[in-house]
Amino acid sequence: MFNRKVNLVGNNVDLCILNCTPEELTQKEQLPSSYIALGELKGGIDPAGADEHWKTARTALQRIITAFSKIELKPHTFFIGAAIERNMAREIWHQLENELLENAANLTNDQQMVSICRWICHL
């Protein structure tokens, strides 16, 4: 689902993957244990604004991690961005290494998008 309010988090999340059928969606989205993965998507391609997009996404991802950890759940987390600058890439890589973030991809890189799509399909 895209741009959905996750009540536990208290904000909208760009990408939500739940373990349910379309018919169960209304009921299951209220159950935190139904969430398989949550991610942030930043499609702006202007390199000048890339850092701000990442800061927004990073804050949203941290909010997700914190909210779910309070009830001892850990859905998969990921980031997809269209403009990823060198400093951002370092920080994203650091979060991946420390398992704060589980996957990330550059929206403009076909190989990375294939990789993250494959990862999502195997969750």
C-alpha atoms as a PDB file:
ATOM      1  CA  MET A   1       0.000   0.000   0.000  1.00  0.00           C
ATOM      2  CA  PHE A   2       1.147   3.520  -0.673  1.00  0.00           C
ATOM      3  CA  ASN A   3       1.076   6.519   1.657  1.00  0.00           C
ATOM      4  CA  ARG A   4      -0.940   4.843   4.383  1.00  0.00           C
ATOM      5  CA  LYS A   5      -1.404   6.062   7.944  1.00  0.00           C
ATOM      6  CA  VAL A   6       0.035   3.501  10.343  1.00  0.00           C
ATOM      7  CA  ASN A   7      -1.756   4.127  13.630  1.00  0.00           C
ATOM      8  CA  LEU A   8       1.023   2.689  15.776  1.00  0.00           C
ATOM      9  CA  VAL A   9       3.507   5.106  14.182  1.00  0.00           C
ATOM     10  CA  GLY A  10       1.078   8.015  14.180  1.00  0.00           C
ATOM     11  CA  ASN A  11       2.035   9.142  10.682  1.00  0.00           C
ATOM     12  CA  ASN A  12       1.721   8.139   7.061  1.00  0.00           C
ATOM     13  CA  VAL A  13       4.290   5.694   5.731  1.00  0.00           C
ATOM     14  CA  ASP A  14       5.140   5.753   2.015  1.00  0.00           C
ATOM     15  CA  LEU A  15       5.218   1.982   1.442  1.00  0.00           C
ATOM     16  CA  CYS A  16       3.491  -0.650   3.602  1.00  0.00           C
ATOM     17  CA  ILE A  17       3.511  -4.392   3.009  1.00  0.00           C
ATOM     18  CA  LEU A  18       1.047  -6.376   5.100  1.00  0.00           C
ATOM     19  CA  ASN A  19       0.361 -10.064   5.541  1.00  0.00           C
ATOM     20  CA  CYS A  20      -3.306 -10.111   4.500  1.00  0.00           C
ATOM     21  CA  THR A  21      -5.715 -10.447   1.609  1.00  0.00           C
ATOM     22  CA  PRO A  22      -7.371  -7.352   0.114  1.00  0.00           C
ATOM     23  CA  GLU A  23     -10.582  -8.328   1.896  1.00  0.00           C
ATOM     24  CA  GLU A  24      -8.802  -8.393   5.269  1.00  0.00           C
ATOM     25  CA  LEU A  25      -7.003  -5.081   4.791  1.00  0.00           C
ATOM     26  CA  THR A  26      -9.269  -2.824   6.841  1.00  0.00           C
ATOM     27  CA  GLN A  27      -9.107  -5.173   9.813  1.00  0.00           C
ATOM     28  CA  LYS A  28      -5.456  -6.240   9.531  1.00  0.00           C
ATOM     29  CA  GLU A  29      -3.957  -2.776   9.095  1.00  0.00           C
ATOM     30  CA  GLN A  30      -5.001  -2.101  12.692  1.00  0.00           C
ATOM     31  CA  LEU A  31      -2.868  -5.048  13.885  1.00  0.00           C
ATOM     32  CA  PRO A  32       0.835  -4.154  14.136  1.00  0.00           C
ATOM     33  CA  SER A  33       1.787  -7.829  13.749  1.00  0.00           C
ATOM     34  CA  SER A  34       0.325  -7.764  10.209  1.00  0.00           C
ATOM     35  CA  TYR A  35       3.054  -5.439   8.934  1.00  0.00           C
ATOM     36  CA  ILE A  36       5.800  -7.288   7.068  1.00  0.00           C
ATOM     37  CA  ALA A  37       7.747  -4.269   5.818  1.00  0.00           C
ATOM     38  CA  LEU A  38       7.609  -0.489   5.864  1.00  0.00           C
ATOM     39  CA  GLY A  39       9.603   1.822   3.661  1.00  0.00           C
ATOM     40  CA  GLU A  40      10.162   5.381   2.602  1.00  0.00           C
ATOM     41  CA  LEU A  41      10.191   6.476  -1.037  1.00  0.00           C
ATOM     42  CA  LYS A  42      11.687   9.813  -2.060  1.00  0.00           C
ATOM     43  CA  GLY A  43      11.331  10.459  -5.776  1.00  0.00           C
ATOM     44  CA  GLY A  44      12.768  13.967  -6.078  1.00  0.00           C
ATOM     45  CA  ILE A  45      15.640  13.987  -8.577  1.00  0.00           C
ATOM     46  CA  ASP A  46      17.188  17.356  -7.723  1.00  0.00           C
ATOM     47  CA  PRO A  47      20.566  16.620  -6.094  1.00  0.00           C
ATOM     48  CA  ALA A  48      20.349  19.927  -4.207  1.00  0.00           C
ATOM     49  CA  GLY A  49      17.335  18.647  -2.259  1.00  0.00           C
ATOM     50  CA  ALA A  50      18.542  15.076  -1.801  1.00  0.00           C
ATOM     51  CA  ASP A  51      19.896  15.602   1.689  1.00  0.00           C
ATOM     52  CA  GLU A  52      16.603  17.068   2.920  1.00  0.00           C
ATOM     53  CA  HIS A  53      14.668  14.144   1.407  1.00  0.00           C
ATOM     54  CA  TRP A  54      16.969  11.702   3.202  1.00  0.00           C
ATOM     55  CA  LYS A  55      16.615  13.555   6.526  1.00  0.00           C
ATOM     56  CA  THR A  56      12.830  13.330   6.215  1.00  0.00           C
ATOM     57  CA  ALA A  57      12.992   9.632   5.322  1.00  0.00           C
ATOM     58  CA  ARG A  58      15.522   8.865   8.064  1.00  0.00           C
ATOM     59  CA  THR A  59      13.287  10.503  10.672  1.00  0.00           C
ATOM     60  CA  ALA A  60      10.239   8.588   9.415  1.00  0.00           C
ATOM     61  CA  LEU A  61      12.134   5.281   9.454  1.00  0.00           C
ATOM     62  CA  GLN A  62      13.374   5.930  12.983  1.00  0.00           C
ATOM     63  CA  ARG A  63       9.810   6.694  14.062  1.00  0.00           C
ATOM     64  CA  ILE A  64       8.714   3.324  12.597  1.00  0.00           C
ATOM     65  CA  ILE A  65      11.521   1.400  14.300  1.00  0.00           C
ATOM     66  CA  THR A  66      10.866   3.072  17.651  1.00  0.00           C
ATOM     67  CA  ALA A  67       7.084   2.561  17.566  1.00  0.00           C
ATOM     68  CA  PHE A  68       7.292  -1.127  16.673  1.00  0.00           C
ATOM     69  CA  SER A  69      10.140  -1.855  19.087  1.00  0.00           C
ATOM     70  CA  LYS A  70       7.980  -0.615  21.969  1.00  0.00           C
ATOM     71  CA  ILE A  71       5.724  -3.619  21.372  1.00  0.00           C
ATOM     72  CA  GLU A  72       8.629  -5.949  20.568  1.00  0.00           C
ATOM     73  CA  LEU A  73       7.996  -6.144  16.818  1.00  0.00           C
ATOM     74  CA  LYS A  74      10.508  -5.515  14.055  1.00  0.00           C
ATOM     75  CA  PRO A  75       9.066  -5.224  10.550  1.00  0.00           C
ATOM     76  CA  HIS A  76      11.565  -5.020   7.698  1.00  0.00           C
ATOM     77  CA  THR A  77      12.548  -1.439   6.819  1.00  0.00           C
ATOM     78  CA  PHE A  78      13.797  -0.015   3.537  1.00  0.00           C
ATOM     79  CA  PHE A  79      14.518   3.209   1.665  1.00  0.00           C
ATOM     80  CA  ILE A  80      14.213   4.013  -2.039  1.00  0.00           C
ATOM     81  CA  GLY A  81      15.484   7.374  -3.270  1.00  0.00           C
ATOM     82  CA  ALA A  82      15.901   8.953  -6.688  1.00  0.00           C
ATOM     83  CA  ALA A  83      18.688  11.359  -5.748  1.00  0.00           C
ATOM     84  CA  ILE A  84      21.318   9.863  -3.470  1.00  0.00           C
ATOM     85  CA  GLU A  85      24.366  11.993  -2.817  1.00  0.00           C
ATOM     86  CA  ARG A  86      27.740  10.708  -1.587  1.00  0.00           C
ATOM     87  CA  ASN A  87      27.257  11.689   2.086  1.00  0.00           C
ATOM     88  CA  MET A  88      23.765  10.197   2.091  1.00  0.00           C
ATOM     89  CA  ALA A  89      25.092   6.997   0.568  1.00  0.00           C
ATOM     90  CA  ARG A  90      27.636   6.690   3.375  1.00  0.00           C
ATOM     91  CA  GLU A  91      24.976   7.174   6.022  1.00  0.00           C
ATOM     92  CA  ILE A  92      22.590   4.732   4.328  1.00  0.00           C
ATOM     93  CA  TRP A  93      25.396   2.171   4.058  1.00  0.00           C
ATOM     94  CA  HIS A  94      26.207   2.660   7.745  1.00  0.00           C
ATOM     95  CA  GLN A  95      22.551   2.043   8.664  1.00  0.00           C
ATOM     96  CA  LEU A  96      22.506  -1.083   6.500  1.00  0.00           C
ATOM     97  CA  GLU A  97      25.665  -2.395   8.162  1.00  0.00           C
ATOM     98  CA  ASN A  98      24.202  -1.748  11.616  1.00  0.00           C
ATOM     99  CA  GLU A  99      20.871  -3.321  10.617  1.00  0.00           C
ATOM    100  CA  LEU A 100      18.900  -0.158  11.371  1.00  0.00           C
ATOM    101  CA  LEU A 101      17.803  -0.302   7.746  1.00  0.00           C
ATOM    102  CA  GLU A 102      17.418  -3.630   5.944  1.00  0.00           C
ATOM    103  CA  ASN A 103      17.513  -2.594   2.313  1.00  0.00           C
ATOM    104  CA  ALA A 104      17.940   0.477   0.141  1.00  0.00           C
ATOM    105  CA  ALA A 105      17.972   1.296  -3.545  1.00  0.00           C
ATOM    106  CA  ASN A 106      18.495   4.158  -5.940  1.00  0.00           C
ATOM    107  CA  LEU A 107      15.286   4.592  -7.939  1.00  0.00           C
ATOM    108  CA  THR A 108      17.319   5.553 -11.019  1.00  0.00           C
ATOM    109  CA  ASN A 109      19.498   2.413 -10.925  1.00  0.00           C
ATOM    110  CA  ASP A 110      17.783  -0.532 -12.625  1.00  0.00           C
ATOM    111  CA  GLN A 111      19.985  -3.163 -10.964  1.00  0.00           C
ATOM    112  CA  GLN A 112      19.280  -1.793  -7.504  1.00  0.00           C
ATOM    113  CA  MET A 113      15.550  -1.648  -8.213  1.00  0.00           C
ATOM    114  CA  VAL A 114      15.538  -5.247  -9.456  1.00  0.00           C
ATOM    115  CA  SER A 115      17.396  -6.251  -6.308  1.00  0.00           C
ATOM    116  CA  ILE A 116      15.021  -4.511  -3.898  1.00  0.00           C
ATOM    117  CA  CYS A 117      11.963  -5.791  -5.788  1.00  0.00           C
ATOM    118  CA  ARG A 118      13.338  -9.324  -5.540  1.00  0.00           C
ATOM    119  CA  TRP A 119      13.946  -8.798  -1.816  1.00  0.00           C
ATOM    120  CA  ILE A 120      10.373  -7.535  -1.302  1.00  0.00           C
ATOM    121  CA  CYS A 121       8.938 -10.506  -3.210  1.00  0.00           C
ATOM    122  CA  HIS A 122      10.825 -12.913  -0.942  1.00  0.00           C
ATOM    123  CA  LEU A 123       9.679 -11.402   2.348  1.00  0.00           C
END
